[in-house]
Amino acid sequence: MKLIAVWTLSLLSVCLATLPAAAQQLMTLDNAISIGMKNNYDILMAKNQEDAARLDYQYAFGAFLPQINGSASKTWSTANIKQKYSNGNDVNKNGSKSHNIGLSADLDWTLFDGLKVFATKNKLKAIQEAGAYTVKDQMVNSISEIIQAYYNIVQSKQQLQSINEQMSISQERVNIASNKFASGLGSKIDLLQAQVDLNAQKSAYLQQQTLIDENKATLNQLIALPPDNTYEVTDSIPLDMGLELDAIRQKALGENPGLLLAKKDIDISRLSLQEVQRSRFPTISFNSSYGFTRQSSQAGFSLYNQNKGLTYGFSASIPIFEGFSVNHAAKSAKLDIDYQQLNLQNAQSQVTLQVRNAFKDYEYYKKALELEKENLGIAKENVDVNLAAFKLGQVASLEVKEAQQSLADAEYRLITARYNAKLAETNLLKLQGSLVR
């Protein structure tokens, strides 16, 4: 029987084997990424931090406004009073009661603090922008993980189809060996070996189905769906074969979210230094208070006293000596700037290296992919020839098995090369920040 008949039988077996899955909903890569962007826990936590930074910046204007505080009090007291005056009069009263009422409204408005408030406001804005870069960096990483997990399922599914094809070939071997044994032209050893190989492939088929189920559970966790959520995935792994190293390297150094975040950390450190330096300047404030007090007593020098009125004025605070704390803080801020600059240089060096290595992998797997496509065609023809020769008694069962194993190895290498090329492509897009638009 020609190999085309084997492939037809294999296709029929795949269709029959996947009939229960046909009713399952198709999960495309775009669907998985869309769900992951809404549900992924790492992304949600990064967005929560970004929201907190945005909230801090939204309320930064409060530093320009005055502070107004109000207070109220009322107290009661009881005392035994004994007083003797110079005119000879005496006052003796036990259980004398008195009460005091106090109301006040105080305003404190910083008019000038060496422009430190502007540095603080700019720093909060930079922190907010850093939060946005953190979210984008996390989104890029999560999308990369989703792509890898999704196409790992596709790869496993292709391996399952390959095993099914091997089962079809083994079944053909069993049929040929059985016919030859029944006619007395073949040995039972060939028949038994073909049956053993067929059973081994059936076991591998079941194991591969379990692996696909586990891979789907991994993807479900990444996109925050229940582990047992079922779906079908596409059958192919598309590749972009036209990526260029120089363009990727240039874009990565300019748009990589991790590098953008490292640059923003330098800005934050410089603004922190401005805060410290501007704390050396004097602070000028406007102060105002409106107060009301009333005191009443049954005995004593004053039986009733009431005051109310407005007070206002300006105050200045000039830092003269603070135990070198400002100098210490300024030197620490400068060291932090140096650290962040070194961190950026280190990150740029790492990204450059990662782009270089990822592109080397990308180029290798593209070449391997073309080579394995050629090998697969040869291996299929080899199996076809050996099956026909085995049917005519021209080759032994062992030679057919070796040809069949060569075909299985060629299919495995081809599927693996395509998946690894996709991983390298994804890594390059991740490094240049292109996974998030």
Protein backbone atom coordinates (compact mmCIF):
# COMPACT_ATOMS: atom_id res chain seq x y z
CA MET A 1 0.00 0.00 0.00
CA LYS A 2 1.26 3.42 -0.88
CA LEU A 3 2.13 5.87 1.90
CA ILE A 4 -0.67 8.19 0.75
CA ALA A 5 -3.14 5.55 1.90
CA VAL A 6 -1.42 5.53 5.28
CA TRP A 7 -1.77 9.31 5.57
CA THR A 8 -5.45 9.05 4.62
CA LEU A 9 -5.99 6.46 7.33
CA SER A 10 -4.07 8.65 9.77
CA LEU A 11 -6.21 11.68 8.97
CA LEU A 12 -9.35 9.60 9.47
CA SER A 13 -8.02 8.37 12.83
CA VAL A 14 -7.26 11.93 13.94
CA CYS A 15 -10.75 13.05 13.03
CA LEU A 16 -12.31 10.16 14.93
CA ALA A 17 -10.03 10.71 17.91
CA THR A 18 -10.93 14.41 18.13
CA LEU A 19 -14.69 14.13 17.67
CA PRO A 20 -15.39 14.92 21.38
CA ALA A 21 -13.12 17.97 21.15
CA ALA A 22 -14.88 19.30 18.06
CA ALA A 23 -17.65 20.67 20.22
CA GLN A 24 -15.14 22.62 22.29
CA GLN A 25 -14.76 26.34 21.74
CA LEU A 26 -11.69 27.46 19.77
CA MET A 27 -9.24 29.53 21.82
CA THR A 28 -7.12 31.66 19.53
CA LEU A 29 -3.91 33.33 20.67
CA ASP A 30 -5.58 36.74 20.48
CA ASN A 31 -8.39 35.43 22.71
CA ALA A 32 -5.90 34.13 25.25
CA ILE A 33 -3.94 37.41 25.31
CA SER A 34 -7.13 39.47 25.62
CA ILE A 35 -8.33 37.39 28.57
CA GLY A 36 -4.88 37.50 30.15
CA MET A 37 -4.67 41.30 29.92
CA LYS A 38 -7.89 41.53 31.93
CA ASN A 39 -7.32 38.73 34.43
CA ASN A 40 -3.58 38.04 34.85
CA TYR A 41 -2.74 38.50 38.53
CA ASP A 42 0.75 39.94 37.96
CA ILE A 43 -0.68 42.59 35.62
CA LEU A 44 -3.49 43.45 38.02
CA MET A 45 -1.01 43.91 40.88
CA ALA A 46 1.21 46.14 38.72
CA LYS A 47 -1.82 48.21 37.73
CA ASN A 48 -2.76 48.56 41.40
CA GLN A 49 0.67 50.06 42.13
CA GLU A 50 0.30 52.37 39.14
CA ASP A 51 -3.10 53.55 40.43
CA ALA A 52 -1.55 54.27 43.82
CA ALA A 53 1.19 56.40 42.19
CA ARG A 54 -1.39 58.20 40.06
CA LEU A 55 -3.46 58.94 43.18
CA ASP A 56 -0.43 60.44 44.94
CA TYR A 57 0.22 62.74 42.00
CA GLN A 58 -3.43 63.78 41.70
CA TYR A 59 -3.35 65.04 45.28
CA ALA A 60 0.08 66.65 45.02
CA PHE A 61 -1.60 70.06 44.50
CA GLY A 62 -2.59 69.93 48.17
CA ALA A 63 0.94 71.03 49.09
CA PHE A 64 0.17 74.45 47.57
CA LEU A 65 -2.91 75.00 49.74
CA PRO A 66 -3.15 76.30 53.31
CA GLN A 67 -3.94 74.11 56.27
CA ILE A 68 -6.94 75.12 58.37
CA ASN A 69 -7.69 73.52 61.71
CA GLY A 70 -10.51 74.20 64.12
CA SER A 71 -10.71 73.36 67.80
CA ALA A 72 -13.32 73.60 70.54
CA SER A 73 -13.25 72.88 74.24
CA LYS A 74 -15.41 73.19 77.33
CA THR A 75 -14.23 72.39 80.84
CA TRP A 76 -15.79 72.38 84.27
CA SER A 77 -14.08 72.59 87.63
CA THR A 78 -14.94 72.69 91.33
CA ALA A 79 -12.65 74.27 93.93
CA ASN A 80 -12.53 75.35 97.57
CA ILE A 81 -11.50 79.01 97.61
CA LYS A 82 -9.92 80.85 100.54
CA GLN A 83 -8.73 84.39 99.80
CA LYS A 84 -7.62 87.28 102.00
CA TYR A 85 -7.37 90.80 100.56
CA SER A 86 -5.27 93.76 101.64
CA ASN A 87 -8.38 95.69 102.65
CA GLY A 88 -9.11 93.11 105.31
CA ASN A 89 -11.87 91.26 103.44
CA ASP A 90 -11.83 87.50 103.39
CA VAL A 91 -13.43 85.06 100.96
CA ASN A 92 -14.03 81.50 102.00
CA LYS A 93 -16.17 79.33 99.74
CA ASN A 94 -16.22 75.61 99.37
CA GLY A 95 -17.46 73.87 96.20
CA SER A 96 -17.07 76.91 93.97
CA LYS A 97 -17.88 75.96 90.41
CA SER A 98 -16.43 77.39 87.19
CA HIS A 99 -16.46 76.52 83.51
CA ASN A 100 -14.44 77.59 80.48
CA ILE A 101 -15.36 77.64 76.81
CA GLY A 102 -12.75 77.90 74.02
CA LEU A 103 -13.21 78.04 70.22
CA SER A 104 -10.53 78.71 67.60
CA ALA A 105 -9.83 78.43 63.86
CA ASP A 106 -6.17 78.40 62.78
CA LEU A 107 -4.70 78.86 59.30
CA ASP A 108 -1.13 77.96 58.33
CA TRP A 109 -0.07 78.66 54.73
CA THR A 110 3.47 77.99 53.53
CA LEU A 111 4.24 80.70 50.98
CA PHE A 112 7.80 79.71 50.18
CA ASP A 113 9.79 76.60 51.00
CA GLY A 114 12.74 77.01 48.66
CA LEU A 115 10.63 75.58 45.78
CA LYS A 116 10.87 72.15 47.41
CA VAL A 117 7.17 71.62 46.80
CA PHE A 118 7.71 71.80 43.03
CA ALA A 119 10.48 69.20 43.22
CA THR A 120 8.17 66.94 45.22
CA LYS A 121 5.37 67.40 42.69
CA ASN A 122 7.69 66.56 39.79
CA LYS A 123 8.98 63.56 41.68
CA LEU A 124 5.44 62.23 42.18
CA LYS A 125 4.79 62.69 38.47
CA ALA A 126 7.96 60.75 37.64
CA ILE A 127 6.90 57.98 40.01
CA GLN A 128 3.53 57.83 38.25
CA GLU A 129 5.27 57.52 34.88
CA ALA A 130 7.53 54.82 36.31
CA GLY A 131 4.39 52.97 37.39
CA ALA A 132 3.14 53.03 33.79
CA TYR A 133 6.45 51.57 32.59
CA THR A 134 6.23 48.89 35.29
CA VAL A 135 2.77 47.91 34.06
CA LYS A 136 3.96 47.78 30.45
CA ASP A 137 6.98 45.71 31.42
CA GLN A 138 4.74 43.26 33.27
CA MET A 139 2.31 43.13 30.36
CA VAL A 140 5.15 42.36 27.94
CA ASN A 141 6.41 39.57 30.20
CA SER A 142 2.92 38.13 30.70
CA ILE A 143 2.10 38.22 26.97
CA SER A 144 5.39 36.45 26.26
CA GLU A 145 4.50 33.75 28.79
CA ILE A 146 1.01 33.39 27.29
CA ILE A 147 2.43 33.04 23.75
CA GLN A 148 4.90 30.39 24.90
CA ALA A 149 2.22 28.49 26.82
CA TYR A 150 -0.27 28.69 23.95
CA TYR A 151 2.10 27.43 21.28
CA ASN A 152 3.37 24.77 23.67
CA ILE A 153 -0.16 23.36 23.51
CA VAL A 154 -0.10 23.62 19.71
CA GLN A 155 3.28 21.87 19.66
CA SER A 156 1.95 19.10 21.90
CA LYS A 157 -1.09 18.78 19.66
CA GLN A 158 1.14 18.40 16.59
CA GLN A 159 3.15 15.75 18.44
CA LEU A 160 -0.12 13.95 19.16
CA GLN A 161 -0.95 13.97 15.46
CA SER A 162 2.53 12.65 14.72
CA ILE A 163 2.02 9.78 17.16
CA ASN A 164 -1.32 9.05 15.54
CA GLU A 165 0.37 8.83 12.16
CA GLN A 166 2.91 6.42 13.63
CA MET A 167 0.03 4.33 14.95
CA SER A 168 -1.43 4.19 11.43
CA ILE A 169 1.91 3.02 10.03
CA SER A 170 2.23 0.40 12.76
CA GLN A 171 -1.30 -0.76 12.07
CA GLU A 172 -0.34 -1.14 8.42
CA ARG A 173 2.70 -3.16 9.50
CA VAL A 174 0.45 -5.36 11.63
CA ASN A 175 -1.89 -5.93 8.67
CA ILE A 176 0.96 -6.78 6.31
CA ALA A 177 2.68 -9.05 8.85
CA SER A 178 -0.61 -10.77 9.67
CA ASN A 179 -1.37 -11.45 6.00
CA LYS A 180 2.14 -12.75 5.39
CA PHE A 181 1.99 -14.97 8.48
CA ALA A 182 -1.43 -16.32 7.50
CA SER A 183 -0.14 -17.18 4.01
CA GLY A 184 3.01 -18.78 5.37
CA LEU A 185 5.27 -16.18 3.80
CA GLY A 186 6.22 -14.40 7.02
CA SER A 187 7.21 -15.15 10.60
CA LYS A 188 5.18 -14.56 13.70
CA ILE A 189 8.08 -12.53 15.09
CA ASP A 190 7.35 -9.74 12.59
CA LEU A 191 3.69 -9.78 13.56
CA LEU A 192 4.43 -9.68 17.28
CA GLN A 193 6.98 -6.87 16.88
CA ALA A 194 4.51 -4.78 14.88
CA GLN A 195 1.86 -5.31 17.56
CA VAL A 196 4.30 -4.36 20.34
CA ASP A 197 5.23 -1.17 18.48
CA LEU A 198 1.56 -0.34 17.93
CA ASN A 199 0.74 -0.80 21.63
CA ALA A 200 3.73 1.35 22.63
CA GLN A 201 2.45 4.12 20.39
CA LYS A 202 -1.05 3.81 21.84
CA SER A 203 0.49 4.29 25.29
CA ALA A 204 2.46 7.31 24.04
CA TYR A 205 -0.76 8.69 22.56
CA LEU A 206 -2.50 8.54 25.94
CA GLN A 207 0.51 10.11 27.65
CA GLN A 208 0.56 12.93 25.08
CA GLN A 209 -3.14 13.62 25.69
CA THR A 210 -2.36 13.98 29.39
CA LEU A 211 0.51 16.37 28.58
CA ILE A 212 -1.84 18.51 26.45
CA ASP A 213 -4.30 18.66 29.33
CA GLU A 214 -1.52 19.78 31.70
CA ASN A 215 -0.31 22.40 29.22
CA LYS A 216 -3.84 23.78 28.94
CA ALA A 217 -4.02 24.03 32.74
CA THR A 218 -0.78 26.05 32.66
CA LEU A 219 -2.25 28.47 30.13
CA ASN A 220 -5.45 28.70 32.18
CA GLN A 221 -3.44 29.76 35.22
CA LEU A 222 -1.66 32.48 33.24
CA ILE A 223 -4.96 33.97 32.04
CA ALA A 224 -6.72 33.35 35.39
CA LEU A 225 -9.25 30.79 34.16
CA PRO A 226 -10.24 27.61 36.04
CA PRO A 227 -7.60 24.86 35.57
CA ASP A 228 -10.15 22.47 34.07
CA ASN A 229 -11.43 24.96 31.48
CA THR A 230 -11.42 23.15 28.13
CA TYR A 231 -11.00 24.51 24.61
CA GLU A 232 -9.32 23.75 21.29
CA VAL A 233 -6.29 25.60 19.93
CA THR A 234 -5.15 26.26 16.38
CA ASP A 235 -3.15 23.63 14.48
CA SER A 236 -0.24 25.74 13.22
CA ILE A 237 2.53 27.98 14.54
CA PRO A 238 2.98 31.07 12.31
CA LEU A 239 6.47 32.58 12.05
CA ASP A 240 7.79 35.98 11.04
CA MET A 241 10.80 35.08 8.92
CA GLY A 242 11.90 38.67 8.18
CA LEU A 243 13.22 40.01 11.51
CA GLU A 244 16.50 41.98 11.27
CA LEU A 245 19.10 42.29 14.01
CA ASP A 246 20.04 45.98 13.66
CA ALA A 247 16.43 47.17 13.66
CA ILE A 248 15.59 45.04 16.70
CA ARG A 249 18.67 46.16 18.63
CA GLN A 250 17.98 49.84 17.96
CA LYS A 251 14.32 49.56 18.91
CA ALA A 252 15.13 47.54 22.03
CA LEU A 253 17.56 50.19 23.32
CA GLY A 254 14.94 52.89 22.72
CA GLU A 255 11.66 51.22 23.68
CA ASN A 256 12.40 48.28 25.99
CA PRO A 257 10.09 48.84 29.02
CA GLY A 258 12.78 47.75 31.48
CA LEU A 259 15.23 50.30 30.08
CA LEU A 260 12.59 53.04 30.09
CA LEU A 261 11.91 52.23 33.73
CA ALA A 262 15.64 52.37 34.55
CA LYS A 263 15.89 55.81 32.90
CA LYS A 264 12.89 57.04 34.86
CA ASP A 265 14.50 55.81 38.10
CA ILE A 266 17.41 58.18 37.34
CA ASP A 267 14.95 61.07 36.99
CA ILE A 268 13.34 60.15 40.32
CA SER A 269 16.73 60.08 42.05
CA ARG A 270 17.65 63.50 40.64
CA LEU A 271 14.36 64.97 41.86
CA SER A 272 15.00 63.46 45.29
CA LEU A 273 18.32 65.32 45.33
CA GLN A 274 16.48 68.55 44.44
CA GLU A 275 14.15 68.01 47.40
CA VAL A 276 17.10 67.68 49.73
CA GLN A 277 18.98 70.67 48.31
CA ARG A 278 15.97 72.95 48.49
CA SER A 279 15.43 72.12 52.14
CA ARG A 280 18.44 74.40 52.85
CA PHE A 281 16.37 77.48 51.97
CA PRO A 282 14.23 79.35 54.52
CA THR A 283 10.52 78.69 54.83
CA ILE A 284 8.07 81.61 54.91
CA SER A 285 4.53 81.08 56.15
CA PHE A 286 1.39 83.11 56.70
CA ASN A 287 -0.39 82.39 59.98
CA SER A 288 -3.80 83.45 61.14
CA SER A 289 -6.10 82.51 63.99
CA TYR A 290 -9.54 83.50 65.17
CA GLY A 291 -10.28 82.65 68.79
CA PHE A 292 -13.10 82.87 71.30
CA THR A 293 -12.77 82.13 75.03
CA ARG A 294 -15.16 82.63 77.93
CA GLN A 295 -14.56 81.92 81.59
CA SER A 296 -17.09 82.10 84.43
CA SER A 297 -16.64 81.33 88.12
CA GLN A 298 -18.72 81.53 91.27
CA ALA A 299 -15.82 82.96 93.25
CA GLY A 300 -12.34 84.39 92.77
CA PHE A 301 -10.76 87.54 91.38
CA SER A 302 -12.71 87.34 88.13
CA LEU A 303 -16.25 86.03 87.98
CA TYR A 304 -16.61 86.45 84.20
CA ASN A 305 -14.07 86.92 81.40
CA GLN A 306 -14.66 86.75 77.62
CA ASN A 307 -12.20 87.28 74.72
CA LYS A 308 -12.59 87.02 70.99
CA GLY A 309 -10.64 88.31 68.04
CA LEU A 310 -8.41 87.72 65.03
CA THR A 311 -4.64 87.43 64.98
CA TYR A 312 -2.44 87.13 61.88
CA GLY A 313 1.11 87.53 60.76
CA PHE A 314 4.07 86.01 58.99
CA SER A 315 6.75 83.64 60.20
CA ALA A 316 10.09 82.54 58.77
CA SER A 317 12.13 79.47 59.57
CA ILE A 318 15.78 79.56 58.59
CA PRO A 319 17.78 76.30 58.82
CA ILE A 320 21.10 77.08 60.45
CA PHE A 321 22.43 73.77 61.72
CA GLU A 322 20.74 70.36 61.55
CA GLY A 323 23.52 68.08 62.64
CA PHE A 324 24.75 67.60 59.06
CA SER A 325 21.55 65.67 58.26
CA VAL A 326 20.98 67.63 55.03
CA ASN A 327 24.58 67.04 53.91
CA HIS A 328 24.18 63.35 54.63
CA ALA A 329 20.89 63.17 52.73
CA ALA A 330 22.37 65.06 49.76
CA LYS A 331 25.40 62.77 49.51
CA SER A 332 23.15 59.71 49.77
CA ALA A 333 20.94 61.08 46.97
CA LYS A 334 23.99 61.64 44.74
CA LEU A 335 25.15 58.08 45.39
CA ASP A 336 21.70 56.85 44.46
CA ILE A 337 21.92 58.76 41.16
CA ASP A 338 25.27 57.10 40.44
CA TYR A 339 23.76 53.71 41.28
CA GLN A 340 20.77 54.22 39.00
CA GLN A 341 23.05 55.31 36.14
CA LEU A 342 25.14 52.16 36.58
CA ASN A 343 21.94 50.14 36.73
CA LEU A 344 20.85 51.61 33.39
CA GLN A 345 24.21 50.85 31.78
CA ASN A 346 24.06 47.30 33.10
CA ALA A 347 20.49 46.86 31.84
CA GLN A 348 21.45 48.19 28.39
CA SER A 349 24.36 45.76 28.27
CA GLN A 350 22.09 42.86 29.24
CA VAL A 351 19.43 43.78 26.68
CA THR A 352 22.08 44.04 23.94
CA LEU A 353 23.39 40.59 24.85
CA GLN A 354 19.89 39.10 25.06
CA VAL A 355 18.98 40.52 21.64
CA ARG A 356 22.17 39.13 20.15
CA ASN A 357 21.64 35.63 21.61
CA ALA A 358 17.91 35.54 20.82
CA PHE A 359 18.62 36.51 17.21
CA LYS A 360 21.29 33.79 16.95
CA ASP A 361 18.66 31.27 18.14
CA TYR A 362 16.15 32.72 15.71
CA GLU A 363 18.53 32.36 12.77
CA TYR A 364 19.54 28.83 13.79
CA TYR A 365 16.00 27.54 14.14
CA LYS A 366 14.97 29.11 10.82
CA LYS A 367 17.73 27.14 9.11
CA ALA A 368 16.93 24.02 11.13
CA LEU A 369 13.28 24.38 10.13
CA GLU A 370 14.11 24.33 6.41
CA LEU A 371 16.46 21.39 6.87
CA GLU A 372 13.92 19.36 8.83
CA LYS A 373 11.24 20.03 6.21
CA GLU A 374 13.54 18.44 3.65
CA ASN A 375 14.36 15.57 6.02
CA LEU A 376 10.67 14.92 6.63
CA GLY A 377 9.97 14.51 2.92
CA ILE A 378 12.84 12.03 2.59
CA ALA A 379 11.71 10.12 5.71
CA LYS A 380 8.14 9.82 4.40
CA GLU A 381 9.37 8.48 1.07
CA ASN A 382 11.65 6.05 2.92
CA VAL A 383 8.73 4.66 4.91
CA ASP A 384 6.64 4.36 1.75
CA VAL A 385 9.38 2.39 0.01
CA ASN A 386 10.03 0.13 3.00
CA LEU A 387 6.34 -0.65 3.53
CA ALA A 388 5.99 -1.64 -0.10
CA ALA A 389 9.15 -3.74 0.04
CA PHE A 390 8.05 -5.34 3.32
CA LYS A 391 4.75 -6.30 1.72
CA LEU A 392 6.68 -8.03 -1.08
CA GLY A 393 9.06 -9.70 1.37
CA GLN A 394 12.05 -7.78 0.12
CA VAL A 395 12.99 -6.22 3.52
CA ALA A 396 12.71 -7.37 7.12
CA SER A 397 10.39 -5.91 9.71
CA LEU A 398 13.36 -4.36 11.51
CA GLU A 399 14.20 -2.22 8.48
CA VAL A 400 10.62 -0.94 8.32
CA LYS A 401 10.74 -0.14 12.03
CA GLU A 402 13.98 1.82 11.58
CA ALA A 403 12.47 3.80 8.70
CA GLN A 404 9.39 4.44 10.79
CA GLN A 405 11.53 5.64 13.72
CA SER A 406 13.47 7.95 11.39
CA LEU A 407 10.17 9.46 10.28
CA ALA A 408 9.06 9.93 13.89
CA ASP A 409 12.37 11.61 14.76
CA ALA A 410 12.16 13.89 11.70
CA GLU A 411 8.62 14.97 12.61
CA TYR A 412 9.66 15.60 16.23
CA ARG A 413 12.65 17.71 15.18
CA LEU A 414 10.54 19.70 12.73
CA ILE A 415 7.82 20.43 15.29
CA THR A 416 10.42 21.34 17.91
CA ALA A 417 12.37 23.59 15.51
CA ARG A 418 9.20 25.48 14.57
CA TYR A 419 8.25 25.95 18.24
CA ASN A 420 11.75 27.06 19.23
CA ALA A 421 11.84 29.50 16.31
CA LYS A 422 8.57 30.96 17.61
CA LEU A 423 10.06 31.28 21.10
CA ALA A 424 13.08 33.11 19.70
CA GLU A 425 10.82 35.41 17.66
CA THR A 426 8.68 36.11 20.73
CA ASN A 427 11.74 36.85 22.82
CA LEU A 428 13.00 39.36 20.24
CA LEU A 429 9.62 41.14 20.15
CA LYS A 430 9.56 41.12 23.95
CA LEU A 431 13.01 42.70 24.17
CA GLN A 432 12.05 45.51 21.79
CA GLY A 433 8.76 46.08 23.62
CA SER A 434 6.59 45.26 20.59
CA LEU A 435 4.28 42.75 22.29
CA VAL A 436 2.23 45.63 23.74
CA ARG A 437 0.96 48.29 21.36
